[in-house]
Amino acid sequence: MALRNEKPSRADQVRARRQIEPVQRKPVPPATQRTARNAQNSSRVIRRRTEYTSSYGDQSARQSARKRIYMPSGNQGTEIRLPAVPTVNLGWRLLSGMLAVVMIVAMYMMKTSDVFAVSMVNLEGSHRVSAAEIGHALAINGTSMIEIIPGELEERIVSQFPDISGASVGVQLPTTLNIAVEERQPVIVWMQGETPMYWIDLEGYVFPVRGTAENVFPVFSVDEPPHPLGWVDPALPNPETGMVEQQPTAPMVDPTFVHAIQQLAVIVPQGSQMLYEKDNGLGWTDPNGWQVYFGTDSEHIEQKLAEYEQIVAAVLAKNLQPKLISMEFLHAPFYRLEQ
């Protein structure tokens, strides 16, 4: 039986041709040519976006923005659909604008209405200054609470009341003002004859005599106490402007002078009064009949007292009766027999 010649398939033909012909591959272009070609091809890309929107889409969007409300009917399994209610979405800008308007209206009402006017002052920490005095000095009764600035009121209280060293102001709606103060404690009362002129505290601040105080030592003088270095009288006009300007709160009396009074107060003889003279300083009348002065500072007080005892012994030994003994300068004391 003879074999039948079959026609080779296309795949067999391709395999046979590859075995006979050498493989010829397309050369790979350089990198620069590939980059240029890719850029050229990318510029040919066309973006297509349809602007067509069907009426069905608009209608569904509008329907989704509305809130559907259903009510049950009397029959089981049936409901009544009410007209759709539109859903309102307030943006942040609209909400903030409405809030700003509400705040402006509220501030205007607080400023113009008597409901928020100051009518009560609660005062704490004061034993000599009353709440009525502070309220009258500040002129705040009837003022709107929105116009109250605590920092300014605190400065005004300290500047207008020398016997107050510090103040704290708080606002309590609707009409109450809370004020807490710290009063200065006097240690010296400055006397002219039998009249008390003012009080002096440890720091040298001067303030009016109000009521009574404990452990206040009297000093008698017709002169003013020595002022600290650089002190400027607030009652004097400015030499440049010619006007009296508000001076910052500062001590009027030298603190070292106050300290000297406290040291000498414990050695003043019984029945004698502490005296002050501008030329000689602090002193008193000695039981022997003469005046003794120790200057205006507390430096070398103990040495001055020891030296004074020696001088008294020497004077009495010589049977002398001086009118004045000055211990102002430790290394240059002297006594005077005549005025």
C-alpha atoms as a PDB file:
ATOM      1  CA  MET A   1       0.000   0.000   0.000  1.00  0.00           C
ATOM      2  CA  ALA A   2       1.520   3.231  -1.111  1.00  0.00           C
ATOM      3  CA  LEU A   3       1.934   6.121   1.330  1.00  0.00           C
ATOM      4  CA  ARG A   4      -0.106   9.239   0.596  1.00  0.00           C
ATOM      5  CA  ASN A   5       1.829  12.485   0.276  1.00  0.00           C
ATOM      6  CA  GLU A   6       0.389  14.953   2.811  1.00  0.00           C
ATOM      7  CA  LYS A   7       0.755  18.666   2.395  1.00  0.00           C
ATOM      8  CA  PRO A   8       2.784  20.173   5.279  1.00  0.00           C
ATOM      9  CA  SER A   9       0.919  22.593   7.549  1.00  0.00           C
ATOM     10  CA  ARG A  10       1.762  26.279   7.769  1.00  0.00           C
ATOM     11  CA  ALA A  11       3.404  25.837  11.120  1.00  0.00           C
ATOM     12  CA  ASP A  12       5.687  23.144   9.648  1.00  0.00           C
ATOM     13  CA  GLN A  13       6.577  25.478   6.811  1.00  0.00           C
ATOM     14  CA  VAL A  14       7.536  28.286   9.211  1.00  0.00           C
ATOM     15  CA  ARG A  15       9.721  25.968  11.253  1.00  0.00           C
ATOM     16  CA  ALA A  16      11.447  24.725   8.105  1.00  0.00           C
ATOM     17  CA  ARG A  17      12.055  28.258   6.883  1.00  0.00           C
ATOM     18  CA  ARG A  18      13.553  29.329  10.211  1.00  0.00           C
ATOM     19  CA  GLN A  19      15.981  26.449  10.051  1.00  0.00           C
ATOM     20  CA  ILE A  20      17.137  27.477   6.592  1.00  0.00           C
ATOM     21  CA  GLU A  21      17.152  31.330   6.857  1.00  0.00           C
ATOM     22  CA  PRO A  22      19.085  33.182   9.514  1.00  0.00           C
ATOM     23  CA  VAL A  23      17.039  35.114  12.025  1.00  0.00           C
ATOM     24  CA  GLN A  24      17.009  38.843  11.188  1.00  0.00           C
ATOM     25  CA  ARG A  25      15.993  41.002  14.123  1.00  0.00           C
ATOM     26  CA  LYS A  26      15.061  44.626  13.885  1.00  0.00           C
ATOM     27  CA  PRO A  27      17.856  46.768  15.337  1.00  0.00           C
ATOM     28  CA  VAL A  28      17.059  48.507  18.643  1.00  0.00           C
ATOM     29  CA  PRO A  29      17.189  52.316  18.248  1.00  0.00           C
ATOM     30  CA  PRO A  30      19.395  54.393  20.587  1.00  0.00           C
ATOM     31  CA  ALA A  31      17.982  55.763  23.836  1.00  0.00           C
ATOM     32  CA  THR A  32      17.764  59.310  22.482  1.00  0.00           C
ATOM     33  CA  GLN A  33      15.651  58.168  19.525  1.00  0.00           C
ATOM     34  CA  ARG A  34      13.363  56.146  21.808  1.00  0.00           C
ATOM     35  CA  THR A  35      12.812  59.154  24.071  1.00  0.00           C
ATOM     36  CA  ALA A  36      11.979  61.420  21.140  1.00  0.00           C
ATOM     37  CA  ARG A  37       9.632  58.819  19.669  1.00  0.00           C
ATOM     38  CA  ASN A  38       7.840  58.302  22.981  1.00  0.00           C
ATOM     39  CA  ALA A  39       7.396  62.052  23.386  1.00  0.00           C
ATOM     40  CA  GLN A  40       6.026  62.282  19.839  1.00  0.00           C
ATOM     41  CA  ASN A  41       3.606  59.448  20.462  1.00  0.00           C
ATOM     42  CA  SER A  42       2.452  60.879  23.789  1.00  0.00           C
ATOM     43  CA  SER A  43       1.618  64.218  22.163  1.00  0.00           C
ATOM     44  CA  ARG A  44      -0.798  62.379  19.920  1.00  0.00           C
ATOM     45  CA  VAL A  45      -2.885  61.153  22.873  1.00  0.00           C
ATOM     46  CA  ILE A  46      -6.296  62.679  22.710  1.00  0.00           C
ATOM     47  CA  ARG A  47      -8.442  62.993  25.867  1.00  0.00           C
ATOM     48  CA  ARG A  48     -12.096  62.559  25.214  1.00  0.00           C
ATOM     49  CA  ARG A  49     -14.678  63.527  27.794  1.00  0.00           C
ATOM     50  CA  THR A  50     -18.278  63.623  27.083  1.00  0.00           C
ATOM     51  CA  GLU A  51     -20.221  66.605  28.399  1.00  0.00           C
ATOM     52  CA  TYR A  52     -23.476  64.896  27.828  1.00  0.00           C
ATOM     53  CA  THR A  53     -25.606  64.419  30.908  1.00  0.00           C
ATOM     54  CA  SER A  54     -28.879  62.747  30.603  1.00  0.00           C
ATOM     55  CA  SER A  55     -31.998  64.251  32.034  1.00  0.00           C
ATOM     56  CA  TYR A  56     -32.443  61.052  33.962  1.00  0.00           C
ATOM     57  CA  GLY A  57     -29.169  61.699  35.850  1.00  0.00           C
ATOM     58  CA  ASP A  58     -30.205  65.262  36.753  1.00  0.00           C
ATOM     59  CA  GLN A  59     -33.547  64.078  37.897  1.00  0.00           C
ATOM     60  CA  SER A  60     -32.055  61.324  40.072  1.00  0.00           C
ATOM     61  CA  ALA A  61     -29.557  63.804  41.581  1.00  0.00           C
ATOM     62  CA  ARG A  62     -32.375  66.187  42.442  1.00  0.00           C
ATOM     63  CA  GLN A  63     -34.381  63.409  43.927  1.00  0.00           C
ATOM     64  CA  SER A  64     -31.431  62.222  46.020  1.00  0.00           C
ATOM     65  CA  ALA A  65     -31.074  65.783  47.418  1.00  0.00           C
ATOM     66  CA  ARG A  66     -34.626  65.612  48.716  1.00  0.00           C
ATOM     67  CA  LYS A  67     -35.668  63.769  51.808  1.00  0.00           C
ATOM     68  CA  ARG A  68     -38.493  61.330  51.240  1.00  0.00           C
ATOM     69  CA  ILE A  69     -41.077  60.981  53.995  1.00  0.00           C
ATOM     70  CA  TYR A  70     -43.461  58.044  54.280  1.00  0.00           C
ATOM     71  CA  MET A  71     -46.376  57.705  56.676  1.00  0.00           C
ATOM     72  CA  PRO A  72     -48.123  54.461  57.500  1.00  0.00           C
ATOM     73  CA  SER A  73     -51.724  54.168  56.348  1.00  0.00           C
ATOM     74  CA  GLY A  74     -54.523  52.340  57.978  1.00  0.00           C
ATOM     75  CA  ASN A  75     -54.146  49.271  55.726  1.00  0.00           C
ATOM     76  CA  GLN A  76     -51.430  46.746  56.418  1.00  0.00           C
ATOM     77  CA  GLY A  77     -48.542  46.854  53.958  1.00  0.00           C
ATOM     78  CA  THR A  78     -49.377  50.266  52.542  1.00  0.00           C
ATOM     79  CA  GLU A  79     -47.774  53.656  53.135  1.00  0.00           C
ATOM     80  CA  ILE A  80     -48.508  57.228  52.118  1.00  0.00           C
ATOM     81  CA  ARG A  81     -45.681  59.148  50.526  1.00  0.00           C
ATOM     82  CA  LEU A  82     -45.583  62.848  51.420  1.00  0.00           C
ATOM     83  CA  PRO A  83     -44.088  65.545  49.204  1.00  0.00           C
ATOM     84  CA  ALA A  84     -40.325  65.437  49.330  1.00  0.00           C
ATOM     85  CA  VAL A  85     -38.594  67.928  51.577  1.00  0.00           C
ATOM     86  CA  PRO A  86     -35.364  69.431  50.224  1.00  0.00           C
ATOM     87  CA  THR A  87     -32.240  68.756  52.268  1.00  0.00           C
ATOM     88  CA  VAL A  88     -30.484  71.971  53.296  1.00  0.00           C
ATOM     89  CA  ASN A  89     -26.682  71.765  53.589  1.00  0.00           C
ATOM     90  CA  LEU A  90     -25.178  74.832  55.259  1.00  0.00           C
ATOM     91  CA  GLY A  91     -21.576  75.532  54.284  1.00  0.00           C
ATOM     92  CA  TRP A  92     -18.906  76.609  56.763  1.00  0.00           C
ATOM     93  CA  ARG A  93     -18.764  80.115  55.357  1.00  0.00           C
ATOM     94  CA  LEU A  94     -22.481  80.667  55.778  1.00  0.00           C
ATOM     95  CA  LEU A  95     -22.409  79.189  59.266  1.00  0.00           C
ATOM     96  CA  SER A  96     -19.470  81.357  60.371  1.00  0.00           C
ATOM     97  CA  GLY A  97     -21.136  84.428  58.888  1.00  0.00           C
ATOM     98  CA  MET A  98     -24.322  83.754  60.840  1.00  0.00           C
ATOM     99  CA  LEU A  99     -22.293  83.235  64.021  1.00  0.00           C
ATOM    100  CA  ALA A 100     -20.466  86.556  63.500  1.00  0.00           C
ATOM    101  CA  VAL A 101     -23.778  88.382  63.064  1.00  0.00           C
ATOM    102  CA  VAL A 102     -25.145  86.833  66.253  1.00  0.00           C
ATOM    103  CA  MET A 103     -22.029  87.884  68.187  1.00  0.00           C
ATOM    104  CA  ILE A 104     -22.225  91.468  66.917  1.00  0.00           C
ATOM    105  CA  VAL A 105     -25.866  91.722  67.907  1.00  0.00           C
ATOM    106  CA  ALA A 106     -25.093  90.255  71.360  1.00  0.00           C
ATOM    107  CA  MET A 107     -22.230  92.724  71.929  1.00  0.00           C
ATOM    108  CA  TYR A 108     -24.428  95.646  70.912  1.00  0.00           C
ATOM    109  CA  MET A 109     -27.154  94.545  73.314  1.00  0.00           C
ATOM    110  CA  MET A 110     -24.634  94.146  76.159  1.00  0.00           C
ATOM    111  CA  LYS A 111     -23.245  97.617  75.511  1.00  0.00           C
ATOM    112  CA  THR A 112     -26.574  99.446  75.307  1.00  0.00           C
ATOM    113  CA  SER A 113     -28.717  97.462  77.730  1.00  0.00           C
ATOM    114  CA  ASP A 114     -28.896  98.271  81.453  1.00  0.00           C
ATOM    115  CA  VAL A 115     -29.069  94.560  82.184  1.00  0.00           C
ATOM    116  CA  PHE A 116     -25.261  94.337  81.788  1.00  0.00           C
ATOM    117  CA  ALA A 117     -24.347  97.613  83.533  1.00  0.00           C
ATOM    118  CA  VAL A 118     -22.070  97.550  86.620  1.00  0.00           C
ATOM    119  CA  SER A 119     -24.200  97.887  89.733  1.00  0.00           C
ATOM    120  CA  MET A 120     -22.231  95.987  92.409  1.00  0.00           C
ATOM    121  CA  VAL A 121     -18.582  95.983  93.500  1.00  0.00           C
ATOM    122  CA  ASN A 122     -17.289  93.150  95.688  1.00  0.00           C
ATOM    123  CA  LEU A 123     -14.119  94.242  97.496  1.00  0.00           C
ATOM    124  CA  GLU A 124     -11.764  91.795  99.244  1.00  0.00           C
ATOM    125  CA  GLY A 125      -8.544  92.322 101.176  1.00  0.00           C
ATOM    126  CA  SER A 126      -9.226  95.927 102.215  1.00  0.00           C
ATOM    127  CA  HIS A 127      -9.654  97.036 105.825  1.00  0.00           C
ATOM    128  CA  ARG A 128      -9.309 100.797 105.405  1.00  0.00           C
ATOM    129  CA  VAL A 129     -10.565 101.535 101.867  1.00  0.00           C
ATOM    130  CA  SER A 130     -14.251 100.897 101.154  1.00  0.00           C
ATOM    131  CA  ALA A 131     -15.835  99.568  97.972  1.00  0.00           C
ATOM    132  CA  ALA A 132     -17.825 102.807  97.645  1.00  0.00           C
ATOM    133  CA  GLU A 133     -14.591 104.853  97.586  1.00  0.00           C
ATOM    134  CA  ILE A 134     -13.081 102.685  94.864  1.00  0.00           C
ATOM    135  CA  GLY A 135     -16.287 102.699  92.821  1.00  0.00           C
ATOM    136  CA  HIS A 136     -16.553 106.489  93.070  1.00  0.00           C
ATOM    137  CA  ALA A 137     -12.889 107.045  92.192  1.00  0.00           C
ATOM    138  CA  LEU A 138     -13.067 104.777  89.151  1.00  0.00           C
ATOM    139  CA  ALA A 139     -16.520 106.072  88.051  1.00  0.00           C
ATOM    140  CA  ILE A 140     -17.598 102.608  86.906  1.00  0.00           C
ATOM    141  CA  ASN A 141     -21.147 102.458  88.246  1.00  0.00           C
ATOM    142  CA  GLY A 142     -23.497 102.158  85.280  1.00  0.00           C
ATOM    143  CA  THR A 143     -20.688 101.272  82.868  1.00  0.00           C
ATOM    144  CA  SER A 144     -21.354  98.387  80.510  1.00  0.00           C
ATOM    145  CA  MET A 145     -19.542  95.190  81.436  1.00  0.00           C
ATOM    146  CA  ILE A 146     -18.264  94.885  77.882  1.00  0.00           C
ATOM    147  CA  GLU A 147     -16.343  98.161  78.327  1.00  0.00           C
ATOM    148  CA  ILE A 148     -14.549  96.993  81.486  1.00  0.00           C
ATOM    149  CA  ILE A 149     -10.815  96.364  80.955  1.00  0.00           C
ATOM    150  CA  PRO A 150      -9.453  94.706  84.126  1.00  0.00           C
ATOM    151  CA  GLY A 151      -5.806  95.634  83.467  1.00  0.00           C
ATOM    152  CA  GLU A 152      -6.574  99.347  83.191  1.00  0.00           C
ATOM    153  CA  LEU A 153      -8.708  99.319  86.334  1.00  0.00           C
ATOM    154  CA  GLU A 154      -5.922  97.626  88.289  1.00  0.00           C
ATOM    155  CA  GLU A 155      -3.444 100.341  87.280  1.00  0.00           C
ATOM    156  CA  ARG A 156      -5.921 103.095  88.174  1.00  0.00           C
ATOM    157  CA  ILE A 157      -6.588 101.602  91.613  1.00  0.00           C
ATOM    158  CA  VAL A 158      -2.883 101.443  92.479  1.00  0.00           C
ATOM    159  CA  SER A 159      -2.205 104.964  91.170  1.00  0.00           C
ATOM    160  CA  GLN A 160      -5.222 106.618  92.845  1.00  0.00           C
ATOM    161  CA  PHE A 161      -4.913 104.838  96.197  1.00  0.00           C
ATOM    162  CA  PRO A 162      -1.343 105.058  97.563  1.00  0.00           C
ATOM    163  CA  ASP A 163      -2.212 102.764 100.470  1.00  0.00           C
ATOM    164  CA  ILE A 164      -2.938  99.898  98.039  1.00  0.00           C
ATOM    165  CA  SER A 165       0.110  98.055  96.734  1.00  0.00           C
ATOM    166  CA  GLY A 166      -1.651  95.698  94.310  1.00  0.00           C
ATOM    167  CA  ALA A 167      -5.098  94.984  92.858  1.00  0.00           C
ATOM    168  CA  SER A 168      -6.820  92.253  90.871  1.00  0.00           C
ATOM    169  CA  VAL A 169     -10.070  92.893  88.971  1.00  0.00           C
ATOM    170  CA  GLY A 170     -12.486  90.243  87.715  1.00  0.00           C
ATOM    171  CA  VAL A 171     -15.806  90.488  85.857  1.00  0.00           C
ATOM    172  CA  GLN A 172     -18.806  88.432  86.933  1.00  0.00           C
ATOM    173  CA  LEU A 173     -21.798  88.657  84.625  1.00  0.00           C
ATOM    174  CA  PRO A 174     -24.248  90.193  84.520  1.00  0.00           C
ATOM    175  CA  THR A 175     -23.528  93.215  86.787  1.00  0.00           C
ATOM    176  CA  THR A 176     -20.869  92.350  89.392  1.00  0.00           C
ATOM    177  CA  LEU A 177     -17.248  93.506  89.538  1.00  0.00           C
ATOM    178  CA  ASN A 178     -14.900  91.577  91.855  1.00  0.00           C
ATOM    179  CA  ILE A 179     -11.872  93.499  93.167  1.00  0.00           C
ATOM    180  CA  ALA A 180      -9.176  92.051  95.432  1.00  0.00           C
ATOM    181  CA  VAL A 181      -6.573  94.452  96.842  1.00  0.00           C
ATOM    182  CA  GLU A 182      -3.475  94.279  99.023  1.00  0.00           C
ATOM    183  CA  GLU A 183      -3.028  97.158 101.447  1.00  0.00           C
ATOM    184  CA  ARG A 184       0.273  98.567 102.636  1.00  0.00           C
ATOM    185  CA  GLN A 185       1.117  98.109 106.312  1.00  0.00           C
ATOM    186  CA  PRO A 186       2.360 101.263 108.067  1.00  0.00           C
ATOM    187  CA  VAL A 187       5.354 101.145 110.393  1.00  0.00           C
ATOM    188  CA  ILE A 188       5.913 104.906 110.901  1.00  0.00           C
ATOM    189  CA  VAL A 189       3.529 107.803 111.428  1.00  0.00           C
ATOM    190  CA  TRP A 190       4.993 111.200 110.525  1.00  0.00           C
ATOM    191  CA  MET A 191       3.910 113.831 113.059  1.00  0.00           C
ATOM    192  CA  GLN A 192       3.907 117.618 113.046  1.00  0.00           C
ATOM    193  CA  GLY A 193       3.200 118.583 116.613  1.00  0.00           C
ATOM    194  CA  GLU A 194       0.198 116.516 117.622  1.00  0.00           C
ATOM    195  CA  THR A 195      -1.107 116.130 114.074  1.00  0.00           C
ATOM    196  CA  PRO A 196      -0.407 112.873 112.170  1.00  0.00           C
ATOM    197  CA  MET A 197       0.511 113.795 108.586  1.00  0.00           C
ATOM    198  CA  TYR A 198       0.856 110.395 106.873  1.00  0.00           C
ATOM    199  CA  TRP A 199       1.934 106.798 107.276  1.00  0.00           C
ATOM    200  CA  ILE A 200       5.140 105.218 105.901  1.00  0.00           C
ATOM    201  CA  ASP A 201       5.650 101.517 105.188  1.00  0.00           C
ATOM    202  CA  LEU A 202       8.857  99.467 105.132  1.00  0.00           C
ATOM    203  CA  GLU A 203       9.533 100.231 101.460  1.00  0.00           C
ATOM    204  CA  GLY A 204       9.243 103.984 101.966  1.00  0.00           C
ATOM    205  CA  TYR A 205       5.784 104.476 100.420  1.00  0.00           C
ATOM    206  CA  VAL A 206       3.713 107.291 101.907  1.00  0.00           C
ATOM    207  CA  PHE A 207      -0.087 107.069 102.197  1.00  0.00           C
ATOM    208  CA  PRO A 208      -2.883 108.793 104.154  1.00  0.00           C
ATOM    209  CA  VAL A 209      -3.753 107.933 107.732  1.00  0.00           C
ATOM    210  CA  ARG A 210      -6.966 105.881 107.700  1.00  0.00           C
ATOM    211  CA  GLY A 211      -8.442 104.465 110.868  1.00  0.00           C
ATOM    212  CA  THR A 212      -6.022 102.808 113.255  1.00  0.00           C
ATOM    213  CA  ALA A 213      -2.970 100.574 112.929  1.00  0.00           C
ATOM    214  CA  GLU A 214      -0.847  98.580 115.356  1.00  0.00           C
ATOM    215  CA  ASN A 215       2.893  98.885 116.049  1.00  0.00           C
ATOM    216  CA  VAL A 216       3.222 102.260 114.301  1.00  0.00           C
ATOM    217  CA  PHE A 217       6.153 104.325 115.621  1.00  0.00           C
ATOM    218  CA  PRO A 218       5.759 108.154 115.684  1.00  0.00           C
ATOM    219  CA  VAL A 219       8.460 110.505 114.414  1.00  0.00           C
ATOM    220  CA  PHE A 220       8.092 114.235 115.121  1.00  0.00           C
ATOM    221  CA  SER A 221       9.413 116.765 112.640  1.00  0.00           C
ATOM    222  CA  VAL A 222       8.604 119.982 110.819  1.00  0.00           C
ATOM    223  CA  ASP A 223      10.630 118.851 107.782  1.00  0.00           C
ATOM    224  CA  GLU A 224       9.947 116.215 105.168  1.00  0.00           C
ATOM    225  CA  PRO A 225      11.753 112.858 105.451  1.00  0.00           C
ATOM    226  CA  PRO A 226      14.733 112.301 103.118  1.00  0.00           C
ATOM    227  CA  HIS A 227      13.780 111.131  99.625  1.00  0.00           C
ATOM    228  CA  PRO A 228      15.495 108.286  97.768  1.00  0.00           C
ATOM    229  CA  LEU A 229      18.110 109.088  95.148  1.00  0.00           C
ATOM    230  CA  GLY A 230      16.531 110.207  91.867  1.00  0.00           C
ATOM    231  CA  TRP A 231      13.099 110.884  93.330  1.00  0.00           C
ATOM    232  CA  VAL A 232      10.961 113.409  91.435  1.00  0.00           C
ATOM    233  CA  ASP A 233       8.043 115.202  93.041  1.00  0.00           C
ATOM    234  CA  PRO A 234       4.954 114.201  90.994  1.00  0.00           C
ATOM    235  CA  ALA A 235       3.293 117.522  91.850  1.00  0.00           C
ATOM    236  CA  LEU A 236       5.984 119.537  90.067  1.00  0.00           C
ATOM    237  CA  PRO A 237       5.461 120.367  86.371  1.00  0.00           C
ATOM    238  CA  ASN A 238       7.690 118.938  83.693  1.00  0.00           C
ATOM    239  CA  PRO A 239      10.363 121.579  82.863  1.00  0.00           C
ATOM    240  CA  GLU A 240      10.063 120.794  79.138  1.00  0.00           C
ATOM    241  CA  THR A 241       6.269 120.821  78.782  1.00  0.00           C
ATOM    242  CA  GLY A 242       5.356 122.983  81.781  1.00  0.00           C
ATOM    243  CA  MET A 243       2.555 120.552  82.706  1.00  0.00           C
ATOM    244  CA  VAL A 244       2.062 118.225  85.643  1.00  0.00           C
ATOM    245  CA  GLU A 245       2.345 114.672  84.359  1.00  0.00           C
ATOM    246  CA  GLN A 246       1.301 111.437  85.998  1.00  0.00           C
ATOM    247  CA  GLN A 247       4.415 109.932  87.532  1.00  0.00           C
ATOM    248  CA  PRO A 248       4.857 106.195  88.078  1.00  0.00           C
ATOM    249  CA  THR A 249       4.301 104.984  91.620  1.00  0.00           C
ATOM    250  CA  ALA A 250       7.569 105.218  93.558  1.00  0.00           C
ATOM    251  CA  PRO A 251       8.553 105.377  97.245  1.00  0.00           C
ATOM    252  CA  MET A 252       8.774 108.889  98.634  1.00  0.00           C
ATOM    253  CA  VAL A 253      11.030 108.067 101.616  1.00  0.00           C
ATOM    254  CA  ASP A 254      14.488 106.517 101.469  1.00  0.00           C
ATOM    255  CA  PRO A 255      14.157 102.889 102.698  1.00  0.00           C
ATOM    256  CA  THR A 256      17.490 103.150 104.565  1.00  0.00           C
ATOM    257  CA  PHE A 257      15.982 106.006 106.591  1.00  0.00           C
ATOM    258  CA  VAL A 258      13.038 103.791 107.548  1.00  0.00           C
ATOM    259  CA  HIS A 259      15.448 101.051 108.637  1.00  0.00           C
ATOM    260  CA  ALA A 260      17.398 103.537 110.779  1.00  0.00           C
ATOM    261  CA  ILE A 261      14.201 104.592 112.566  1.00  0.00           C
ATOM    262  CA  GLN A 262      13.384 100.968 113.365  1.00  0.00           C
ATOM    263  CA  GLN A 263      16.850 100.381 114.844  1.00  0.00           C
ATOM    264  CA  LEU A 264      16.858 103.560 116.918  1.00  0.00           C
ATOM    265  CA  ALA A 265      13.276 103.101 118.118  1.00  0.00           C
ATOM    266  CA  VAL A 266      14.324 100.334 120.529  1.00  0.00           C
ATOM    267  CA  ILE A 267      16.905 102.546 122.318  1.00  0.00           C
ATOM    268  CA  VAL A 268      14.955 105.788 122.651  1.00  0.00           C
ATOM    269  CA  PRO A 269      14.830 106.621 126.374  1.00  0.00           C
ATOM    270  CA  GLN A 270      11.514 106.160 128.143  1.00  0.00           C
ATOM    271  CA  GLY A 271       9.423 109.290 127.854  1.00  0.00           C
ATOM    272  CA  SER A 272      11.428 110.776 124.956  1.00  0.00           C
ATOM    273  CA  GLN A 273      10.177 111.297 121.417  1.00  0.00           C
ATOM    274  CA  MET A 274      11.947 110.455 118.186  1.00  0.00           C
ATOM    275  CA  LEU A 275      12.872 113.701 116.412  1.00  0.00           C
ATOM    276  CA  TYR A 276      14.087 114.453 112.922  1.00  0.00           C
ATOM    277  CA  GLU A 277      15.938 117.530 111.673  1.00  0.00           C
ATOM    278  CA  LYS A 278      17.041 118.001 108.107  1.00  0.00           C
ATOM    279  CA  ASP A 279      20.536 119.133 109.172  1.00  0.00           C
ATOM    280  CA  ASN A 280      21.237 116.593 111.933  1.00  0.00           C
ATOM    281  CA  GLY A 281      19.062 113.566 111.196  1.00  0.00           C
ATOM    282  CA  LEU A 282      17.293 111.368 113.750  1.00  0.00           C
ATOM    283  CA  GLY A 283      17.606 111.890 117.476  1.00  0.00           C
ATOM    284  CA  TRP A 284      15.839 112.623 120.742  1.00  0.00           C
ATOM    285  CA  THR A 285      16.127 114.575 123.978  1.00  0.00           C
ATOM    286  CA  ASP A 286      18.545 112.868 126.362  1.00  0.00           C
ATOM    287  CA  PRO A 287      17.424 112.524 130.011  1.00  0.00           C
ATOM    288  CA  ASN A 288      20.396 114.795 130.895  1.00  0.00           C
ATOM    289  CA  GLY A 289      18.743 117.614 128.984  1.00  0.00           C
ATOM    290  CA  TRP A 290      20.626 117.878 125.679  1.00  0.00           C
ATOM    291  CA  GLN A 291      19.698 116.854 122.136  1.00  0.00           C
ATOM    292  CA  VAL A 292      21.462 113.894 120.523  1.00  0.00           C
ATOM    293  CA  TYR A 293      21.344 113.029 116.793  1.00  0.00           C
ATOM    294  CA  PHE A 294      22.554 109.939 114.893  1.00  0.00           C
ATOM    295  CA  GLY A 295      22.125 110.935 111.234  1.00  0.00           C
ATOM    296  CA  THR A 296      19.773 109.383 108.697  1.00  0.00           C
ATOM    297  CA  ASP A 297      21.192 105.908 107.999  1.00  0.00           C
ATOM    298  CA  SER A 298      21.480 102.729 110.007  1.00  0.00           C
ATOM    299  CA  GLU A 299      25.163 102.095 109.286  1.00  0.00           C
ATOM    300  CA  HIS A 300      27.395 101.615 112.370  1.00  0.00           C
ATOM    301  CA  ILE A 301      24.514 102.243 114.792  1.00  0.00           C
ATOM    302  CA  GLU A 302      25.964  99.986 117.485  1.00  0.00           C
ATOM    303  CA  GLN A 303      29.402 101.594 117.258  1.00  0.00           C
ATOM    304  CA  LYS A 304      27.815 105.053 117.404  1.00  0.00           C
ATOM    305  CA  LEU A 305      25.922 104.093 120.568  1.00  0.00           C
ATOM    306  CA  ALA A 306      29.091 102.765 122.235  1.00  0.00           C
ATOM    307  CA  GLU A 307      30.977 105.922 121.334  1.00  0.00           C
ATOM    308  CA  TYR A 308      28.091 108.057 122.568  1.00  0.00           C
ATOM    309  CA  GLU A 309      28.246 106.453 126.012  1.00  0.00           C
ATOM    310  CA  GLN A 310      31.941 107.332 126.263  1.00  0.00           C
ATOM    311  CA  ILE A 311      31.275 110.934 125.254  1.00  0.00           C
ATOM    312  CA  VAL A 312      28.480 111.230 127.848  1.00  0.00           C
ATOM    313  CA  ALA A 313      30.781 109.888 130.548  1.00  0.00           C
ATOM    314  CA  ALA A 314      33.506 112.387 129.553  1.00  0.00           C
ATOM    315  CA  VAL A 315      31.097 115.333 129.467  1.00  0.00           C
ATOM    316  CA  LEU A 316      29.625 114.520 132.864  1.00  0.00           C
ATOM    317  CA  ALA A 317      33.097 114.043 134.297  1.00  0.00           C
ATOM    318  CA  LYS A 318      33.986 117.579 133.212  1.00  0.00           C
ATOM    319  CA  ASN A 319      30.693 118.866 134.615  1.00  0.00           C
ATOM    320  CA  LEU A 320      29.662 120.228 131.237  1.00  0.00           C
ATOM    321  CA  GLN A 321      26.123 120.795 129.998  1.00  0.00           C
ATOM    322  CA  PRO A 322      26.103 120.647 126.175  1.00  0.00           C
ATOM    323  CA  LYS A 323      23.108 121.706 124.133  1.00  0.00           C
ATOM    324  CA  LEU A 324      23.692 119.178 121.344  1.00  0.00           C
ATOM    325  CA  ILE A 325      25.734 116.052 120.728  1.00  0.00           C
ATOM    326  CA  SER A 326      26.052 114.876 117.106  1.00  0.00           C
ATOM    327  CA  MET A 327      26.866 111.248 116.286  1.00  0.00           C
ATOM    328  CA  GLU A 328      26.021 111.583 112.606  1.00  0.00           C
ATOM    329  CA  PHE A 329      29.591 110.751 111.544  1.00  0.00           C
ATOM    330  CA  LEU A 330      31.220 107.856 113.353  1.00  0.00           C
ATOM    331  CA  HIS A 331      34.779 109.224 113.122  1.00  0.00           C
ATOM    332  CA  ALA A 332      33.858 112.880 113.629  1.00  0.00           C
ATOM    333  CA  PRO A 333      31.439 113.255 116.565  1.00  0.00           C
ATOM    334  CA  PHE A 334      31.106 116.602 118.317  1.00  0.00           C
ATOM    335  CA  TYR A 335      29.118 118.381 120.994  1.00  0.00           C
ATOM    336  CA  ARG A 336      28.009 121.980 121.211  1.00  0.00           C
ATOM    337  CA  LEU A 337      27.745 123.944 124.445  1.00  0.00           C
ATOM    338  CA  GLU A 338      25.665 126.730 122.941  1.00  0.00           C
ATOM    339  CA  GLN A 339      23.020 126.808 120.271  1.00  0.00           C
END
